[in-house]
């Protein structure tokens, strides 16, 4: 599968497509699509990169793998399309924003495309998943791709805020130059862990202050 991007990620993507991990990864994903239901649709796998050009990245939020229920995943970490029930982790993200900004109106939709278009890269570390089977495409090679994306942001941008929630995301801190960027870490927003400090971590207020933007500008 020849994937392309119509923005400044394309030279980087072309480089990745020359790496040894890329052909077997794409062959494996294509084979999986022929045998089972795979999310998100092929046209949306690189949606995070399409909506947030490299030169516009201000914030990186790292997720794990796509939602594995019908109609949920659409290529952005934690986000779902309009009309899809808001997943519990995203509900908790909205609650944390409300904690940081008292006048924040919690949206009725879980679609975070607006965030992506404002420079928030919503990056899962694995970009495909089989229906009903969380982490089913882990260790297929997507981690090489998304690690390289994190490293590209670290090397080519300045003053980006990286939000690393939970142990899986926090492992990515080693890929980030913390002399050039800010790394914020707390527990995952999942209902299993959010009560251990996610709501009060202040990541959204801190990010707005660092970027000299209002909460509404970034997270509305």
Protein backbone atom coordinates (compact mmCIF):
# COMPACT_ATOMS: atom_id res chain seq x y z
CA UNK A 1 0.00 0.00 0.00
CA UNK A 2 1.47 3.36 -1.05
CA UNK A 3 0.42 5.94 1.50
CA UNK A 4 1.06 9.62 0.85
CA UNK A 5 0.49 12.85 2.74
CA UNK A 6 -0.29 16.18 1.12
CA UNK A 7 1.69 18.26 3.61
CA UNK A 8 5.16 18.66 5.13
CA UNK A 9 5.09 15.19 6.70
CA UNK A 10 5.49 13.67 3.21
CA UNK A 11 9.34 13.74 3.01
CA UNK A 12 9.48 12.07 6.42
CA UNK A 13 6.84 9.52 5.37
CA UNK A 14 8.81 8.72 2.21
CA UNK A 15 11.87 8.08 4.38
CA UNK A 16 9.91 5.72 6.60
CA UNK A 17 8.64 3.81 3.59
CA UNK A 18 12.27 3.00 2.76
CA UNK A 19 12.90 1.44 6.16
CA UNK A 20 13.13 -2.33 6.58
CA UNK A 21 10.10 -2.51 8.90
CA UNK A 22 7.70 -0.84 6.45
CA UNK A 23 7.01 -3.48 3.73
CA UNK A 24 6.28 -6.36 6.15
CA UNK A 25 4.11 -4.07 8.28
CA UNK A 26 1.99 -3.00 5.32
CA UNK A 27 1.77 -6.57 4.01
CA UNK A 28 0.59 -7.78 7.40
CA UNK A 29 -2.04 -5.04 7.72
CA UNK A 30 -3.31 -5.70 4.18
CA UNK A 31 -3.57 -9.42 4.90
CA UNK A 32 -5.44 -8.69 8.13
CA UNK A 33 -7.93 -6.49 6.27
CA UNK A 34 -8.68 -9.37 3.89
CA UNK A 35 -9.30 -11.81 6.74
CA UNK A 36 -11.01 -9.69 9.41
CA UNK A 37 -12.47 -6.29 10.21
CA UNK A 38 -9.67 -3.79 10.88
CA UNK A 39 -10.03 -0.26 12.27
CA UNK A 40 -9.77 2.50 11.26
CA UNK A 41 -10.59 2.38 7.54
CA UNK A 42 -7.42 2.45 5.42
CA UNK A 43 -8.08 6.02 4.29
CA UNK A 44 -8.01 7.23 7.90
CA UNK A 45 -4.90 5.44 9.20
CA UNK A 46 -2.71 8.56 8.79
CA UNK A 47 -5.44 11.06 9.72
CA UNK A 48 -3.42 12.51 12.62
CA UNK A 49 -0.63 13.42 10.21
CA UNK A 50 -3.04 14.78 7.60
CA UNK A 51 -4.74 17.17 10.02
CA UNK A 52 -1.63 18.30 11.93
CA UNK A 53 1.28 19.23 9.63
CA UNK A 54 4.71 18.80 11.19
CA UNK A 55 5.42 22.54 11.04
CA UNK A 56 2.24 23.25 13.03
CA UNK A 57 2.65 20.73 15.88
CA UNK A 58 2.38 22.49 19.25
CA UNK A 59 1.14 19.64 21.45
CA UNK A 60 1.50 15.86 21.19
CA UNK A 61 -0.94 13.58 23.03
CA UNK A 62 0.08 9.93 22.85
CA UNK A 63 -2.47 7.12 22.89
CA UNK A 64 -1.97 3.38 22.57
CA UNK A 65 -3.96 1.72 19.77
CA UNK A 66 -7.23 2.63 18.03
CA UNK A 67 -10.63 1.96 19.55
CA UNK A 68 -11.72 -1.53 18.48
CA UNK A 69 -15.50 -1.08 18.40
CA UNK A 70 -17.65 -0.44 15.31
CA UNK A 71 -17.42 3.10 13.97
CA UNK A 72 -15.21 4.41 16.77
CA UNK A 73 -11.67 4.76 15.42
CA UNK A 74 -11.05 7.44 12.81
CA UNK A 75 -7.31 7.95 12.99
CA UNK A 76 -6.95 10.30 15.96
CA UNK A 77 -5.95 9.13 19.44
CA UNK A 78 -8.83 9.28 21.97
CA UNK A 79 -11.19 10.79 19.35
CA UNK A 80 -14.37 9.36 17.82
CA UNK A 81 -16.50 10.57 14.93
CA UNK A 82 -19.57 12.72 15.46
CA UNK A 83 -22.57 10.68 16.55
CA UNK A 84 -20.48 7.99 18.27
CA UNK A 85 -20.81 7.63 22.06
CA UNK A 86 -17.97 9.38 23.88
CA UNK A 87 -15.63 6.70 25.29
CA UNK A 88 -14.87 6.72 29.04
CA UNK A 89 -11.24 7.87 28.67
CA UNK A 90 -12.30 10.85 26.57
CA UNK A 91 -15.05 11.71 29.06
CA UNK A 92 -12.33 11.86 31.70
CA UNK A 93 -10.17 14.07 29.47
CA UNK A 94 -13.10 16.47 29.16
CA UNK A 95 -13.54 16.42 32.96
CA UNK A 96 -9.87 17.26 33.44
CA UNK A 97 -10.17 20.22 31.07
CA UNK A 98 -13.23 21.37 33.04
CA UNK A 99 -11.13 21.14 36.22
CA UNK A 100 -8.51 23.42 34.65
CA UNK A 101 -10.94 25.90 33.05
CA UNK A 102 -14.12 26.49 35.04
CA UNK A 103 -15.97 28.05 32.09
CA UNK A 104 -15.20 25.13 29.76
CA UNK A 105 -18.32 23.64 28.21
CA UNK A 106 -17.98 19.86 27.92
CA UNK A 107 -18.77 18.96 24.29
CA UNK A 108 -21.57 16.62 23.27
CA UNK A 109 -19.29 15.11 20.60
CA UNK A 110 -16.08 13.13 20.99
CA UNK A 111 -14.69 14.34 17.66
CA UNK A 112 -11.29 15.98 18.27
CA UNK A 113 -10.58 16.99 14.67
CA UNK A 114 -10.72 20.62 15.79
CA UNK A 115 -7.87 19.96 18.22
CA UNK A 116 -5.83 18.33 15.45
CA UNK A 117 -6.35 21.30 13.13
CA UNK A 118 -5.11 23.62 15.90
CA UNK A 119 -1.76 21.88 16.20
CA UNK A 120 -2.47 19.03 18.63
CA UNK A 121 -1.02 15.80 17.23
CA UNK A 122 -3.27 12.99 18.50
CA UNK A 123 -0.92 10.08 17.98
CA UNK A 124 -1.60 6.45 18.79
CA UNK A 125 1.57 4.36 18.97
CA UNK A 126 -0.14 1.58 16.97
CA UNK A 127 -2.31 2.74 14.07
CA UNK A 128 -4.51 -0.29 13.30
CA UNK A 129 -6.41 -2.89 15.33
CA UNK A 130 -8.67 -5.88 14.70
CA UNK A 131 -12.34 -5.59 15.64
CA UNK A 132 -12.87 -6.49 19.28
CA UNK A 133 -9.21 -7.30 19.96
CA UNK A 134 -7.28 -4.57 21.75
CA UNK A 135 -3.54 -4.50 21.00
CA UNK A 136 -3.97 -7.12 18.26
CA UNK A 137 -1.59 -5.24 15.93
CA UNK A 138 0.96 -4.35 18.61
CA UNK A 139 4.58 -5.14 17.75
CA UNK A 140 3.82 -5.42 14.05
CA UNK A 141 6.02 -2.41 13.26
CA UNK A 142 3.75 0.57 13.85
CA UNK A 143 5.82 1.41 16.94
CA UNK A 144 8.86 1.99 14.69
CA UNK A 145 6.78 4.41 12.63
CA UNK A 146 5.28 6.37 15.50
CA UNK A 147 8.54 6.44 17.48
CA UNK A 148 10.13 8.02 14.40
CA UNK A 149 7.29 10.56 14.27
CA UNK A 150 7.88 11.54 17.90
CA UNK A 151 11.60 11.88 17.17
CA UNK A 152 10.85 14.03 14.11
CA UNK A 153 8.74 16.42 16.18
CA UNK A 154 11.42 16.53 18.86
CA UNK A 155 14.17 17.30 16.33
CA UNK A 156 12.34 19.69 14.00
CA UNK A 157 10.10 21.68 16.33
CA UNK A 158 10.73 23.88 19.39
CA UNK A 159 8.66 24.29 22.54
CA UNK A 160 6.21 21.46 21.95
CA UNK A 161 4.25 20.14 24.94
CA UNK A 162 4.16 16.33 25.10
CA UNK A 163 1.40 14.85 27.26
CA UNK A 164 2.35 11.32 28.33
CA UNK A 165 -0.48 9.57 30.16
CA UNK A 166 0.14 6.14 31.66
CA UNK A 167 3.15 3.85 31.57
CA UNK A 168 2.90 3.03 27.86
CA UNK A 169 3.06 6.68 26.80
CA UNK A 170 5.67 7.57 29.41
CA UNK A 171 8.14 5.15 27.82
CA UNK A 172 8.23 7.58 24.90
CA UNK A 173 9.88 10.27 27.05
CA UNK A 174 13.25 8.78 26.07
CA UNK A 175 12.58 9.86 22.45
CA UNK A 176 12.05 13.53 23.34
CA UNK A 177 14.70 16.22 23.87
CA UNK A 178 13.53 17.75 27.14
CA UNK A 179 15.91 20.69 26.72
CA UNK A 180 13.77 21.84 23.76
CA UNK A 181 10.34 20.65 24.80
CA UNK A 182 8.09 20.19 27.84
CA UNK A 183 7.10 16.69 28.94
CA UNK A 184 4.00 16.37 31.15
CA UNK A 185 3.34 12.98 32.73
CA UNK A 186 0.46 11.56 34.75
CA UNK A 187 -1.73 8.47 34.94
CA UNK A 188 -3.88 7.31 32.02
CA UNK A 189 -7.40 8.82 31.73
CA UNK A 190 -8.96 5.34 31.75
CA UNK A 191 -11.56 4.83 34.51
CA UNK A 192 -9.14 2.25 35.94
CA UNK A 193 -6.54 4.89 36.75
CA UNK A 194 -7.89 8.42 36.27
CA UNK A 195 -8.83 8.78 39.95
CA UNK A 196 -5.14 8.54 40.85
CA UNK A 197 -4.40 12.08 39.76
CA UNK A 198 -5.44 12.58 36.14
CA UNK A 199 -8.21 15.07 36.88
CA UNK A 200 -6.01 17.31 39.03
CA UNK A 201 -2.73 17.04 37.08
CA UNK A 202 -3.33 20.44 35.47
CA UNK A 203 -1.91 19.43 32.10
CA UNK A 204 -4.35 21.51 30.08
CA UNK A 205 -3.86 24.71 32.08
CA UNK A 206 -0.09 24.22 32.01
CA UNK A 207 -0.14 23.71 28.25
CA UNK A 208 -2.24 26.81 27.62
CA UNK A 209 0.12 28.89 29.77
CA UNK A 210 3.26 27.53 28.09
CA UNK A 211 1.85 28.25 24.63
CA UNK A 212 0.36 31.59 25.67
CA UNK A 213 -3.04 30.47 24.45
CA UNK A 214 -6.43 30.29 26.12
CA UNK A 215 -7.98 26.95 26.96
CA UNK A 216 -10.80 27.73 24.54
CA UNK A 217 -8.33 28.38 21.72
CA UNK A 218 -6.69 24.99 22.18
CA UNK A 219 -9.29 22.61 23.54
CA UNK A 220 -12.72 23.90 22.48
